[in-house]
Amino acid sequence: MNYQNFICAVSMIVEKQNKILIAKRSSKDDFQPGIWEFPAGRVENDESLIEALKREAQEELGINIYNPSLIDAYTFITKNQKNLLLTYTCQTKDNPNISLEHDELKWIDPKDAYTLFTHDQQKNTLTLYIKSKP
């Protein structure tokens, strides 16, 4: 199959006090409205992956992050577009703000996120995260 676009995006498992932050996509979003996810966004042409991660943390959550570490990467298809999603773990000391991209944010025990995630790959990434912890 020939894809018209290729998009690179980053997502983040933000940690704070043994909890992780998950976000519920806006019910007004054109793509998968209302699903729970790790906060994410596209990498712009002129930025590195880490720059994109930090920018998205500021834009979507209003937080500063530190100690980013790659934990997973996978591809998926949407319409005529192939997507590469790289997921990083990171920490914050800040309290996030909800943006127009999300209807809800939730700090949650990582094991409890399984019941909220819709896609198998989200659950696979969560499993990699949990197994990476001592």
N, C-alpha and C. Protein backbone atom coordinates (compact mmCIF):
# COMPACT_ATOMS: atom_id res chain seq x y z
N MET A 1 0.84 -1.19 0.00
CA MET A 1 0.00 0.00 0.00
C MET A 1 0.88 1.24 0.00
N ASN A 2 0.43 2.25 -0.67
CA ASN A 2 1.16 3.51 -0.77
C ASN A 2 0.46 4.54 0.13
N TYR A 3 1.22 5.15 1.03
CA TYR A 3 0.66 6.12 1.97
C TYR A 3 0.99 7.53 1.52
N GLN A 4 0.02 8.42 1.64
CA GLN A 4 0.23 9.80 1.23
C GLN A 4 1.10 10.56 2.22
N ASN A 5 1.01 10.21 3.50
CA ASN A 5 1.75 10.93 4.53
C ASN A 5 2.42 9.97 5.49
N PHE A 6 3.49 10.45 6.08
CA PHE A 6 4.15 9.73 7.17
C PHE A 6 4.31 10.72 8.31
N ILE A 7 3.80 10.37 9.46
CA ILE A 7 3.83 11.26 10.63
C ILE A 7 4.64 10.61 11.74
N CYS A 8 5.51 11.39 12.34
CA CYS A 8 6.25 10.95 13.52
C CYS A 8 5.66 11.70 14.71
N ALA A 9 5.36 10.97 15.77
CA ALA A 9 4.77 11.58 16.97
C ALA A 9 5.46 11.00 18.21
N VAL A 10 5.33 11.75 19.29
CA VAL A 10 5.86 11.30 20.58
C VAL A 10 4.72 11.27 21.59
N SER A 11 4.79 10.32 22.49
CA SER A 11 3.84 10.28 23.60
C SER A 11 4.64 10.14 24.89
N MET A 12 3.99 10.44 26.00
CA MET A 12 4.72 10.46 27.27
C MET A 12 3.97 9.77 28.38
N ILE A 13 4.72 8.96 29.12
CA ILE A 13 4.22 8.41 30.37
C ILE A 13 4.83 9.29 31.45
N VAL A 14 4.03 10.24 31.93
CA VAL A 14 4.50 11.22 32.91
C VAL A 14 4.31 10.62 34.31
N GLU A 15 5.40 10.60 35.07
CA GLU A 15 5.38 10.03 36.42
C GLU A 15 5.44 11.13 37.48
N LYS A 16 4.69 10.90 38.55
CA LYS A 16 4.75 11.79 39.71
C LYS A 16 4.20 11.01 40.90
N GLN A 17 5.00 10.88 41.93
CA GLN A 17 4.59 10.23 43.17
C GLN A 17 3.96 8.85 42.93
N ASN A 18 4.64 8.02 42.16
CA ASN A 18 4.24 6.64 41.86
C ASN A 18 2.94 6.51 41.08
N LYS A 19 2.51 7.59 40.45
CA LYS A 19 1.33 7.57 39.59
C LYS A 19 1.76 7.99 38.19
N ILE A 20 0.92 7.66 37.20
CA ILE A 20 1.16 8.13 35.84
C ILE A 20 -0.03 8.96 35.40
N LEU A 21 0.23 9.86 34.47
CA LEU A 21 -0.81 10.75 33.96
C LEU A 21 -1.37 10.21 32.66
N ILE A 22 -2.68 10.06 32.61
CA ILE A 22 -3.34 9.69 31.37
C ILE A 22 -4.36 10.78 31.03
N ALA A 23 -4.69 10.86 29.76
CA ALA A 23 -5.57 11.93 29.28
C ALA A 23 -6.69 11.35 28.43
N LYS A 24 -7.88 11.89 28.61
CA LYS A 24 -9.03 11.49 27.80
C LYS A 24 -9.18 12.47 26.65
N ARG A 25 -9.07 11.96 25.43
CA ARG A 25 -9.17 12.82 24.24
C ARG A 25 -10.49 13.57 24.23
N SER A 26 -10.46 14.76 23.68
CA SER A 26 -11.66 15.58 23.59
C SER A 26 -12.76 14.83 22.84
N SER A 27 -13.97 14.96 23.32
CA SER A 27 -15.12 14.34 22.65
C SER A 27 -15.39 15.02 21.30
N LYS A 28 -14.77 16.18 21.08
CA LYS A 28 -14.92 16.91 19.82
C LYS A 28 -13.82 16.58 18.81
N ASP A 29 -12.87 15.75 19.20
CA ASP A 29 -11.75 15.40 18.33
C ASP A 29 -12.24 14.56 17.16
N ASP A 30 -11.67 14.79 15.98
CA ASP A 30 -12.03 14.02 14.79
C ASP A 30 -11.48 12.60 14.85
N PHE A 31 -10.34 12.42 15.52
CA PHE A 31 -9.67 11.12 15.57
C PHE A 31 -9.83 10.51 16.96
N GLN A 32 -10.56 9.46 17.05
CA GLN A 32 -10.77 8.68 18.27
C GLN A 32 -11.18 9.54 19.47
N PRO A 33 -12.29 10.25 19.35
CA PRO A 33 -12.75 11.09 20.45
C PRO A 33 -13.09 10.26 21.70
N GLY A 34 -12.74 10.80 22.85
CA GLY A 34 -13.14 10.20 24.11
C GLY A 34 -12.32 9.02 24.60
N ILE A 35 -11.26 8.63 23.88
CA ILE A 35 -10.46 7.50 24.37
C ILE A 35 -9.38 8.01 25.33
N TRP A 36 -8.97 7.14 26.23
CA TRP A 36 -7.88 7.45 27.16
C TRP A 36 -6.57 7.15 26.46
N GLU A 37 -5.56 7.96 26.74
CA GLU A 37 -4.27 7.82 26.08
C GLU A 37 -3.17 8.41 26.95
N PHE A 38 -1.93 8.11 26.56
CA PHE A 38 -0.80 8.86 27.07
C PHE A 38 -0.77 10.16 26.27
N PRO A 39 -0.57 11.31 26.91
CA PRO A 39 -0.51 12.56 26.15
C PRO A 39 0.53 12.45 25.02
N ALA A 40 0.18 13.02 23.87
CA ALA A 40 1.03 12.84 22.68
C ALA A 40 0.85 13.99 21.71
N GLY A 41 1.77 14.04 20.75
CA GLY A 41 1.67 15.03 19.69
C GLY A 41 2.70 14.79 18.61
N ARG A 42 2.51 15.48 17.51
CA ARG A 42 3.40 15.34 16.35
C ARG A 42 4.74 16.03 16.57
N VAL A 43 5.75 15.46 15.94
CA VAL A 43 7.08 16.07 15.90
C VAL A 43 7.09 17.04 14.71
N GLU A 44 7.47 18.28 14.96
CA GLU A 44 7.56 19.27 13.89
C GLU A 44 8.85 19.05 13.10
N ASN A 45 8.90 19.55 11.87
CA ASN A 45 10.05 19.34 10.98
C ASN A 45 11.37 19.83 11.54
N ASP A 46 11.34 20.89 12.33
CA ASP A 46 12.58 21.52 12.76
C ASP A 46 12.98 21.17 14.20
N GLU A 47 12.43 20.12 14.78
CA GLU A 47 12.75 19.82 16.17
C GLU A 47 13.17 18.36 16.37
N SER A 48 13.92 18.14 17.43
CA SER A 48 14.32 16.78 17.79
C SER A 48 13.15 16.11 18.52
N LEU A 49 13.27 14.81 18.73
CA LEU A 49 12.22 14.07 19.44
C LEU A 49 12.04 14.61 20.86
N ILE A 50 13.13 14.88 21.55
CA ILE A 50 13.05 15.39 22.92
C ILE A 50 12.48 16.80 22.94
N GLU A 51 12.86 17.62 21.97
CA GLU A 51 12.27 18.96 21.89
C GLU A 51 10.75 18.87 21.68
N ALA A 52 10.33 17.95 20.84
CA ALA A 52 8.90 17.76 20.59
C ALA A 52 8.19 17.30 21.86
N LEU A 53 8.80 16.38 22.58
CA LEU A 53 8.23 15.88 23.83
C LEU A 53 8.03 17.02 24.83
N LYS A 54 9.05 17.83 25.00
CA LYS A 54 8.98 18.95 25.95
C LYS A 54 7.95 19.99 25.49
N ARG A 55 7.91 20.26 24.20
CA ARG A 55 6.93 21.22 23.68
C ARG A 55 5.51 20.72 23.90
N GLU A 56 5.28 19.45 23.59
CA GLU A 56 3.94 18.88 23.77
C GLU A 56 3.54 18.89 25.25
N ALA A 57 4.48 18.62 26.15
CA ALA A 57 4.18 18.66 27.59
C ALA A 57 3.73 20.06 27.99
N GLN A 58 4.39 21.07 27.43
CA GLN A 58 4.00 22.46 27.72
C GLN A 58 2.66 22.80 27.08
N GLU A 59 2.48 22.48 25.79
CA GLU A 59 1.27 22.86 25.07
C GLU A 59 0.03 22.15 25.60
N GLU A 60 0.13 20.84 25.79
CA GLU A 60 -1.05 20.06 26.16
C GLU A 60 -1.31 20.04 27.66
N LEU A 61 -0.23 20.14 28.46
CA LEU A 61 -0.38 19.94 29.90
C LEU A 61 0.10 21.11 30.74
N GLY A 62 0.87 22.02 30.16
CA GLY A 62 1.41 23.14 30.91
C GLY A 62 2.43 22.74 31.95
N ILE A 63 3.18 21.65 31.66
CA ILE A 63 4.17 21.16 32.63
C ILE A 63 5.55 21.10 32.01
N ASN A 64 6.55 21.13 32.87
CA ASN A 64 7.93 20.85 32.49
C ASN A 64 8.21 19.39 32.83
N ILE A 65 8.92 18.72 31.95
CA ILE A 65 9.28 17.32 32.20
C ILE A 65 10.79 17.19 32.23
N TYR A 66 11.26 16.13 32.87
CA TYR A 66 12.69 15.87 32.92
C TYR A 66 12.93 14.37 32.90
N ASN A 67 14.18 14.00 32.64
CA ASN A 67 14.62 12.60 32.54
C ASN A 67 13.85 11.78 31.51
N PRO A 68 13.65 12.28 30.29
CA PRO A 68 12.94 11.46 29.30
C PRO A 68 13.77 10.24 28.90
N SER A 69 13.07 9.13 28.77
CA SER A 69 13.73 7.87 28.39
C SER A 69 12.78 7.08 27.48
N LEU A 70 13.28 6.70 26.31
CA LEU A 70 12.46 5.96 25.35
C LEU A 70 12.11 4.59 25.90
N ILE A 71 10.82 4.24 25.84
CA ILE A 71 10.40 2.94 26.33
C ILE A 71 9.75 2.07 25.25
N ASP A 72 9.18 2.71 24.20
CA ASP A 72 8.50 1.92 23.18
C ASP A 72 8.40 2.74 21.89
N ALA A 73 8.29 2.02 20.78
CA ALA A 73 8.06 2.65 19.47
C ALA A 73 7.29 1.65 18.62
N TYR A 74 6.30 2.16 17.90
CA TYR A 74 5.53 1.30 17.00
C TYR A 74 4.88 2.14 15.91
N THR A 75 4.44 1.47 14.86
CA THR A 75 3.75 2.15 13.77
C THR A 75 2.28 1.74 13.76
N PHE A 76 1.46 2.61 13.22
CA PHE A 76 0.05 2.30 13.02
C PHE A 76 -0.46 3.11 11.84
N ILE A 77 -1.58 2.67 11.28
CA ILE A 77 -2.13 3.27 10.08
C ILE A 77 -3.43 4.00 10.42
N THR A 78 -3.58 5.21 9.89
CA THR A 78 -4.84 5.95 9.95
C THR A 78 -5.13 6.50 8.57
N LYS A 79 -6.26 6.14 8.01
CA LYS A 79 -6.65 6.55 6.66
C LYS A 79 -5.51 6.26 5.69
N ASN A 80 -4.98 7.27 4.98
CA ASN A 80 -3.86 7.09 4.05
C ASN A 80 -2.55 7.56 4.67
N GLN A 81 -2.41 7.36 5.96
CA GLN A 81 -1.26 7.89 6.67
C GLN A 81 -0.62 6.80 7.52
N LYS A 82 0.69 6.72 7.45
CA LYS A 82 1.43 5.82 8.32
C LYS A 82 2.04 6.66 9.44
N ASN A 83 1.93 6.18 10.67
CA ASN A 83 2.37 6.92 11.85
C ASN A 83 3.41 6.12 12.62
N LEU A 84 4.43 6.81 13.08
CA LEU A 84 5.41 6.24 13.99
C LEU A 84 5.24 6.96 15.32
N LEU A 85 4.97 6.20 16.38
CA LEU A 85 4.78 6.77 17.71
C LEU A 85 5.89 6.27 18.62
N LEU A 86 6.63 7.21 19.20
CA LEU A 86 7.69 6.89 20.15
C LEU A 86 7.23 7.33 21.53
N THR A 87 7.24 6.41 22.49
CA THR A 87 6.76 6.71 23.83
C THR A 87 7.93 6.79 24.79
N TYR A 88 7.93 7.87 25.56
CA TYR A 88 8.98 8.13 26.55
C TYR A 88 8.38 8.15 27.95
N THR A 89 9.16 7.68 28.91
CA THR A 89 8.82 7.93 30.30
C THR A 89 9.51 9.24 30.69
N CYS A 90 8.92 9.95 31.61
CA CYS A 90 9.50 11.19 32.10
C CYS A 90 8.87 11.53 33.44
N GLN A 91 9.44 12.48 34.13
CA GLN A 91 8.91 12.90 35.42
C GLN A 91 8.55 14.38 35.37
N THR A 92 7.72 14.78 36.32
CA THR A 92 7.39 16.18 36.49
C THR A 92 7.18 16.46 37.98
N LYS A 93 7.35 17.71 38.34
CA LYS A 93 7.01 18.18 39.68
C LYS A 93 5.77 19.08 39.60
N ASP A 94 5.32 19.35 38.38
CA ASP A 94 4.25 20.31 38.14
C ASP A 94 2.87 19.64 38.18
N ASN A 95 1.86 20.47 38.37
CA ASN A 95 0.47 20.02 38.26
C ASN A 95 -0.04 20.40 36.88
N PRO A 96 -0.54 19.43 36.12
CA PRO A 96 -0.96 19.70 34.75
C PRO A 96 -2.26 20.50 34.68
N ASN A 97 -2.41 21.19 33.57
CA ASN A 97 -3.64 21.90 33.25
C ASN A 97 -4.29 21.19 32.07
N ILE A 98 -5.59 21.15 32.07
CA ILE A 98 -6.30 20.53 30.96
C ILE A 98 -6.32 21.49 29.77
N SER A 99 -6.14 20.95 28.58
CA SER A 99 -6.15 21.77 27.36
C SER A 99 -7.41 21.44 26.55
N LEU A 100 -7.57 22.12 25.44
CA LEU A 100 -8.72 21.85 24.57
C LEU A 100 -8.64 20.47 23.92
N GLU A 101 -7.44 19.87 23.92
CA GLU A 101 -7.27 18.57 23.29
C GLU A 101 -7.80 17.42 24.14
N HIS A 102 -8.07 17.71 25.42
CA HIS A 102 -8.53 16.66 26.33
C HIS A 102 -9.75 17.11 27.13
N ASP A 103 -10.58 16.15 27.49
CA ASP A 103 -11.73 16.43 28.35
C ASP A 103 -11.39 16.17 29.81
N GLU A 104 -10.37 15.34 30.05
CA GLU A 104 -10.06 14.96 31.43
C GLU A 104 -8.62 14.48 31.53
N LEU A 105 -8.00 14.75 32.65
CA LEU A 105 -6.68 14.23 32.99
C LEU A 105 -6.82 13.44 34.28
N LYS A 106 -6.01 12.39 34.42
CA LYS A 106 -6.13 11.57 35.62
C LYS A 106 -4.76 11.02 36.01
N TRP A 107 -4.39 11.22 37.29
CA TRP A 107 -3.23 10.54 37.86
C TRP A 107 -3.72 9.19 38.35
N ILE A 108 -3.05 8.14 37.95
CA ILE A 108 -3.56 6.79 38.20
C ILE A 108 -2.42 5.84 38.50
N ASP A 109 -2.71 4.82 39.28
CA ASP A 109 -1.75 3.73 39.46
C ASP A 109 -1.59 3.06 38.10
N PRO A 110 -0.35 2.80 37.68
CA PRO A 110 -0.16 2.23 36.34
C PRO A 110 -0.99 0.99 36.05
N LYS A 111 -1.13 0.10 37.01
CA LYS A 111 -1.88 -1.14 36.77
C LYS A 111 -3.37 -0.87 36.53
N ASP A 112 -3.87 0.23 37.04
CA ASP A 112 -5.29 0.56 36.85
C ASP A 112 -5.58 1.12 35.47
N ALA A 113 -4.57 1.52 34.74
CA ALA A 113 -4.77 2.10 33.41
C ALA A 113 -5.22 1.06 32.39
N TYR A 114 -4.92 -0.22 32.62
CA TYR A 114 -5.33 -1.26 31.67
C TYR A 114 -6.82 -1.19 31.37
N THR A 115 -7.62 -0.94 32.39
CA THR A 115 -9.08 -0.96 32.21
C THR A 115 -9.58 0.24 31.41
N LEU A 116 -8.79 1.29 31.31
CA LEU A 116 -9.21 2.49 30.59
C LEU A 116 -8.72 2.54 29.15
N PHE A 117 -7.63 1.86 28.86
CA PHE A 117 -7.08 1.89 27.51
C PHE A 117 -7.88 1.02 26.56
N THR A 118 -8.06 1.51 25.34
CA THR A 118 -8.85 0.84 24.32
C THR A 118 -8.01 -0.07 23.43
N HIS A 119 -6.82 0.40 23.07
CA HIS A 119 -6.01 -0.30 22.08
C HIS A 119 -4.99 -1.23 22.72
N ASP A 120 -4.79 -2.38 22.07
CA ASP A 120 -3.82 -3.35 22.56
C ASP A 120 -2.42 -2.76 22.67
N GLN A 121 -2.04 -1.92 21.70
CA GLN A 121 -0.68 -1.37 21.74
C GLN A 121 -0.48 -0.46 22.95
N GLN A 122 -1.52 0.26 23.36
CA GLN A 122 -1.42 1.07 24.59
C GLN A 122 -1.14 0.14 25.78
N LYS A 123 -1.84 -0.97 25.81
CA LYS A 123 -1.66 -1.93 26.90
C LYS A 123 -0.28 -2.56 26.84
N ASN A 124 0.23 -2.83 25.62
CA ASN A 124 1.58 -3.38 25.47
C ASN A 124 2.63 -2.40 25.98
N THR A 125 2.46 -1.12 25.65
CA THR A 125 3.37 -0.09 26.13
C THR A 125 3.31 0.01 27.64
N LEU A 126 2.11 -0.04 28.19
CA LEU A 126 1.94 0.00 29.65
C LEU A 126 2.64 -1.19 30.31
N THR A 127 2.53 -2.36 29.71
CA THR A 127 3.21 -3.55 30.24
C THR A 127 4.72 -3.35 30.24
N LEU A 128 5.27 -2.82 29.15
CA LEU A 128 6.71 -2.54 29.10
C LEU A 128 7.10 -1.57 30.21
N TYR A 129 6.27 -0.56 30.41
CA TYR A 129 6.54 0.41 31.48
C TYR A 129 6.55 -0.26 32.85
N ILE A 130 5.53 -1.02 33.14
CA ILE A 130 5.42 -1.68 34.45
C ILE A 130 6.59 -2.63 34.68
N LYS A 131 6.96 -3.39 33.66
CA LYS A 131 8.08 -4.33 33.79
C LYS A 131 9.41 -3.62 33.96
N SER A 132 9.49 -2.37 33.54
CA SER A 132 10.75 -1.62 33.66
C SER A 132 10.99 -1.09 35.07
N LYS A 133 9.96 -1.15 35.89
CA LYS A 133 10.07 -0.62 37.26
C LYS A 133 10.55 -1.70 38.22
N PRO A 134 11.41 -1.30 39.17
CA PRO A 134 11.91 -2.29 40.14
C PRO A 134 10.83 -2.81 41.07
